[in-house]
N, C-alpha and C. Protein backbone atom coordinates (compact mmCIF):
# COMPACT_ATOMS: atom_id res chain seq x y z
N GLU A 1 0.76 -1.25 -0.06
CA GLU A 1 0.08 -0.07 0.08
C GLU A 1 0.86 1.14 -0.04
N GLN A 2 1.88 1.27 0.76
CA GLN A 2 2.91 2.38 0.73
C GLN A 2 3.48 2.77 -0.61
N ILE A 3 3.78 1.70 -1.41
CA ILE A 3 4.41 1.98 -2.85
C ILE A 3 3.03 2.50 -3.65
N TYR A 4 2.07 1.71 -3.51
CA TYR A 4 0.84 2.30 -4.13
C TYR A 4 0.59 3.84 -4.22
N ALA A 5 0.55 3.94 -2.83
CA ALA A 5 0.07 5.46 -2.51
C ALA A 5 1.20 6.43 -3.23
N GLY A 6 2.57 5.97 -2.97
CA GLY A 6 3.60 6.92 -3.41
C GLY A 6 3.34 7.13 -4.94
N LEU A 7 3.45 5.99 -5.66
CA LEU A 7 3.19 6.06 -7.05
C LEU A 7 2.03 6.81 -7.54
N THR A 8 0.93 6.68 -6.94
CA THR A 8 -0.33 7.43 -7.20
C THR A 8 0.01 8.95 -7.03
N GLY A 9 0.71 9.21 -5.87
CA GLY A 9 1.00 10.54 -5.73
C GLY A 9 1.91 11.32 -6.60
N LEU A 10 2.82 10.44 -7.32
CA LEU A 10 3.55 10.84 -8.38
C LEU A 10 2.77 10.90 -9.71
N GLY A 11 1.53 10.49 -9.74
CA GLY A 11 0.85 10.57 -11.01
C GLY A 11 1.32 9.28 -11.93
N LEU A 12 1.71 8.18 -11.26
CA LEU A 12 2.03 7.08 -12.14
C LEU A 12 1.04 6.07 -11.94
N THR A 13 0.80 5.11 -12.98
CA THR A 13 -0.09 4.00 -12.81
C THR A 13 0.88 2.79 -12.59
N TYR A 14 0.13 1.84 -12.02
CA TYR A 14 0.89 0.47 -11.83
C TYR A 14 -0.13 -0.63 -11.95
N THR A 15 0.37 -1.92 -11.96
CA THR A 15 -0.52 -2.95 -11.86
C THR A 15 -0.51 -3.56 -10.46
N PRO A 16 -1.82 -3.76 -10.04
CA PRO A 16 -1.94 -4.32 -8.67
C PRO A 16 -1.25 -5.61 -8.70
N THR A 17 -0.73 -6.10 -7.55
CA THR A 17 -0.05 -7.33 -7.58
C THR A 17 -0.27 -8.09 -6.13
N PHE A 18 -0.20 -9.39 -6.23
CA PHE A 18 0.01 -10.14 -4.98
C PHE A 18 1.46 -10.72 -4.75
N ALA A 19 2.16 -10.33 -5.63
CA ALA A 19 3.63 -10.78 -5.60
C ALA A 19 4.48 -9.77 -4.83
N ASN A 20 5.87 -10.16 -4.75
CA ASN A 20 6.62 -9.14 -3.75
C ASN A 20 7.26 -7.96 -4.74
N PHE A 21 6.49 -7.86 -5.73
CA PHE A 21 7.08 -6.63 -6.67
C PHE A 21 5.91 -5.91 -7.42
N ILE A 22 6.23 -4.89 -7.78
CA ILE A 22 4.91 -3.96 -8.40
C ILE A 22 5.61 -3.54 -9.86
N LEU A 23 4.89 -3.60 -10.89
CA LEU A 23 5.15 -3.14 -12.14
C LEU A 23 4.49 -1.77 -12.32
N PHE A 24 5.16 -0.70 -12.71
CA PHE A 24 4.39 0.61 -12.80
C PHE A 24 4.88 1.28 -14.19
N ALA A 25 4.36 2.22 -14.69
CA ALA A 25 4.74 2.95 -15.84
C ALA A 25 5.24 4.20 -15.47
N THR A 26 6.03 4.66 -16.36
CA THR A 26 6.74 5.93 -16.09
C THR A 26 6.54 6.81 -17.54
N PRO A 27 6.51 8.22 -17.40
CA PRO A 27 6.43 9.02 -18.45
C PRO A 27 7.68 8.99 -19.60
N TYR A 28 8.60 8.27 -19.06
CA TYR A 28 10.00 8.43 -19.68
C TYR A 28 10.41 6.94 -19.90
N PRO A 29 11.47 6.75 -20.95
CA PRO A 29 11.92 5.57 -21.04
C PRO A 29 12.42 4.67 -19.85
N ALA A 30 11.81 3.47 -19.79
CA ALA A 30 12.28 2.83 -18.53
C ALA A 30 13.79 2.67 -18.28
N VAL A 31 14.69 2.58 -19.30
CA VAL A 31 15.97 2.58 -19.26
C VAL A 31 16.67 3.86 -18.47
N ALA A 32 16.05 4.95 -19.00
CA ALA A 32 16.40 6.28 -18.47
C ALA A 32 16.16 6.35 -16.94
N VAL A 33 14.85 5.86 -16.57
CA VAL A 33 14.37 5.68 -14.96
C VAL A 33 15.65 4.93 -14.35
N PHE A 34 15.57 3.65 -15.02
CA PHE A 34 16.63 2.55 -14.40
C PHE A 34 17.84 3.21 -14.12
N GLN A 35 18.32 3.91 -15.06
CA GLN A 35 19.77 4.56 -14.59
C GLN A 35 19.99 5.53 -13.84
N GLY A 36 18.92 6.25 -13.85
CA GLY A 36 18.73 7.46 -12.70
C GLY A 36 18.61 6.90 -11.36
N LEU A 37 17.85 5.73 -11.10
CA LEU A 37 17.65 5.33 -9.76
C LEU A 37 18.91 4.60 -9.44
N LEU A 38 19.71 3.89 -10.41
CA LEU A 38 21.00 3.18 -9.97
C LEU A 38 22.02 4.04 -9.64
N ARG A 39 22.00 5.35 -10.34
CA ARG A 39 22.95 6.43 -9.81
C ARG A 39 22.68 6.76 -8.36
N LYS A 40 21.37 6.61 -7.86
CA LYS A 40 21.13 7.18 -6.53
C LYS A 40 21.02 5.85 -5.58
N GLY A 41 21.64 4.79 -6.19
CA GLY A 41 21.82 3.68 -5.29
C GLY A 41 20.50 2.54 -5.09
N ILE A 42 19.60 2.83 -5.96
CA ILE A 42 18.41 2.06 -5.97
C ILE A 42 18.35 1.16 -7.10
N ILE A 43 18.09 -0.19 -6.83
CA ILE A 43 18.14 -1.15 -8.05
C ILE A 43 16.75 -1.55 -8.41
N VAL A 44 16.41 -1.31 -9.57
CA VAL A 44 15.11 -1.98 -9.86
C VAL A 44 15.34 -2.52 -11.29
N ARG A 45 14.22 -3.31 -11.88
CA ARG A 45 14.38 -3.93 -13.19
C ARG A 45 13.67 -3.14 -14.16
N SER A 46 14.27 -2.75 -15.30
CA SER A 46 13.65 -2.37 -16.42
C SER A 46 12.85 -3.13 -17.20
N ALA A 47 11.51 -3.03 -17.48
CA ALA A 47 10.77 -4.05 -18.25
C ALA A 47 10.84 -3.91 -19.73
N ASP A 48 11.70 -3.16 -20.12
CA ASP A 48 11.68 -2.87 -21.61
C ASP A 48 12.23 -4.23 -22.43
N ILE A 49 12.92 -5.11 -21.57
CA ILE A 49 13.29 -6.38 -22.19
C ILE A 49 12.09 -7.49 -22.45
N PHE A 50 10.96 -6.95 -21.73
CA PHE A 50 9.75 -7.71 -22.03
C PHE A 50 8.83 -7.01 -22.99
N GLY A 51 9.41 -6.09 -23.73
CA GLY A 51 8.61 -5.50 -24.56
C GLY A 51 7.75 -4.19 -23.93
N LEU A 52 8.11 -3.82 -22.61
CA LEU A 52 7.43 -2.74 -22.04
C LEU A 52 8.25 -1.54 -21.79
N PRO A 53 8.42 -0.71 -22.88
CA PRO A 53 9.56 0.50 -22.81
C PRO A 53 9.33 1.50 -21.94
N ARG A 54 8.32 1.47 -21.06
CA ARG A 54 8.03 2.57 -20.13
C ARG A 54 7.64 2.04 -18.76
N GLN A 55 7.87 0.77 -18.66
CA GLN A 55 7.59 0.00 -17.24
C GLN A 55 8.77 -0.26 -16.56
N ILE A 56 8.63 -0.20 -15.08
CA ILE A 56 9.65 -0.54 -14.25
C ILE A 56 9.10 -1.60 -13.24
N ARG A 57 9.86 -2.48 -12.72
CA ARG A 57 9.41 -3.51 -11.87
C ARG A 57 10.32 -3.15 -10.42
N VAL A 58 9.85 -2.90 -9.52
CA VAL A 58 10.28 -2.69 -8.30
C VAL A 58 9.94 -3.94 -7.22
N THR A 59 10.76 -4.33 -6.41
CA THR A 59 10.47 -5.24 -5.38
C THR A 59 10.09 -4.48 -4.12
N ILE A 60 9.11 -5.00 -3.44
CA ILE A 60 8.56 -4.37 -2.32
C ILE A 60 9.58 -4.43 -1.06
N GLY A 61 9.91 -3.49 -0.42
CA GLY A 61 10.83 -3.65 0.63
C GLY A 61 10.40 -3.35 2.06
N THR A 62 11.18 -2.85 3.00
CA THR A 62 10.56 -2.39 4.21
C THR A 62 9.97 -1.15 4.15
N GLU A 63 9.38 -0.68 5.05
CA GLU A 63 8.96 0.80 5.11
C GLU A 63 10.05 1.77 4.81
N GLN A 64 11.20 1.83 5.46
CA GLN A 64 12.05 2.61 5.01
C GLN A 64 12.76 2.44 3.70
N GLU A 65 13.21 1.22 3.27
CA GLU A 65 13.50 1.04 1.83
C GLU A 65 12.45 1.64 0.86
N ASN A 66 11.18 1.35 0.99
CA ASN A 66 10.35 1.81 0.21
C ASN A 66 10.34 3.49 0.08
N GLN A 67 10.44 3.98 1.36
CA GLN A 67 10.49 5.62 1.47
C GLN A 67 11.66 5.88 0.70
N GLN A 68 12.77 5.33 0.74
CA GLN A 68 13.99 5.58 -0.15
C GLN A 68 13.78 5.62 -1.76
N PHE A 69 13.11 4.40 -1.91
CA PHE A 69 12.72 4.34 -3.49
C PHE A 69 11.93 5.48 -3.85
N LEU A 70 10.86 5.76 -3.25
CA LEU A 70 10.05 6.72 -3.63
C LEU A 70 10.61 7.99 -3.67
N ALA A 71 11.39 8.44 -2.79
CA ALA A 71 12.09 9.75 -2.77
C ALA A 71 12.93 9.71 -4.14
N ALA A 72 13.83 8.69 -4.10
CA ALA A 72 14.83 8.67 -5.24
C ALA A 72 14.02 8.65 -6.70
N LEU A 73 12.86 7.89 -6.67
CA LEU A 73 12.00 8.14 -8.02
C LEU A 73 11.49 9.34 -8.29
N ALA A 74 11.07 10.07 -7.06
CA ALA A 74 10.47 11.35 -7.28
C ALA A 74 11.62 12.31 -7.97
N ALA A 75 12.83 12.14 -7.27
CA ALA A 75 14.08 13.01 -7.69
C ALA A 75 14.33 12.65 -9.23
N VAL A 76 14.31 11.45 -9.69
CA VAL A 76 14.81 10.98 -11.01
C VAL A 76 13.77 11.58 -11.95
N LEU A 77 12.39 11.47 -11.70
CA LEU A 77 11.27 11.91 -12.62
C LEU A 77 11.51 13.70 -12.66
N GLU A 78 11.78 14.09 -11.66
CA GLU A 78 12.07 15.53 -11.77
C GLU A 78 13.49 15.96 -12.80
N GLU A 79 14.33 15.14 -12.32
CA GLU A 79 15.60 15.24 -13.25
C GLU A 79 15.35 15.08 -14.80
N LEU A 80 14.50 14.09 -15.07
CA LEU A 80 14.22 13.76 -16.30
C LEU A 80 13.26 14.79 -17.09
N LYS A 81 12.40 15.47 -16.35
CA LYS A 81 11.65 16.34 -16.87
C LYS A 81 12.31 17.66 -17.35
N GLU A 82 13.31 18.02 -16.64
CA GLU A 82 14.29 19.22 -17.28
C GLU A 82 14.94 19.12 -18.56
């Protein structure tokens, strides 16, 4: 729920899941978002290899890890906007 709320707050859509990861869409190429997050120490998986060029898969972590991911994602999206 924490990640769902954070993604919604960022204006992003996601695929609801019962697994330990969430697939979500970004307004930018997945590879660019992946690389931006990686530079901030956040490892996710770009879904472009599955034919989803603007989708990212993130594993659900602890509350603190989720907060770090959401903060880094917000920063990366802002950087890519510029």
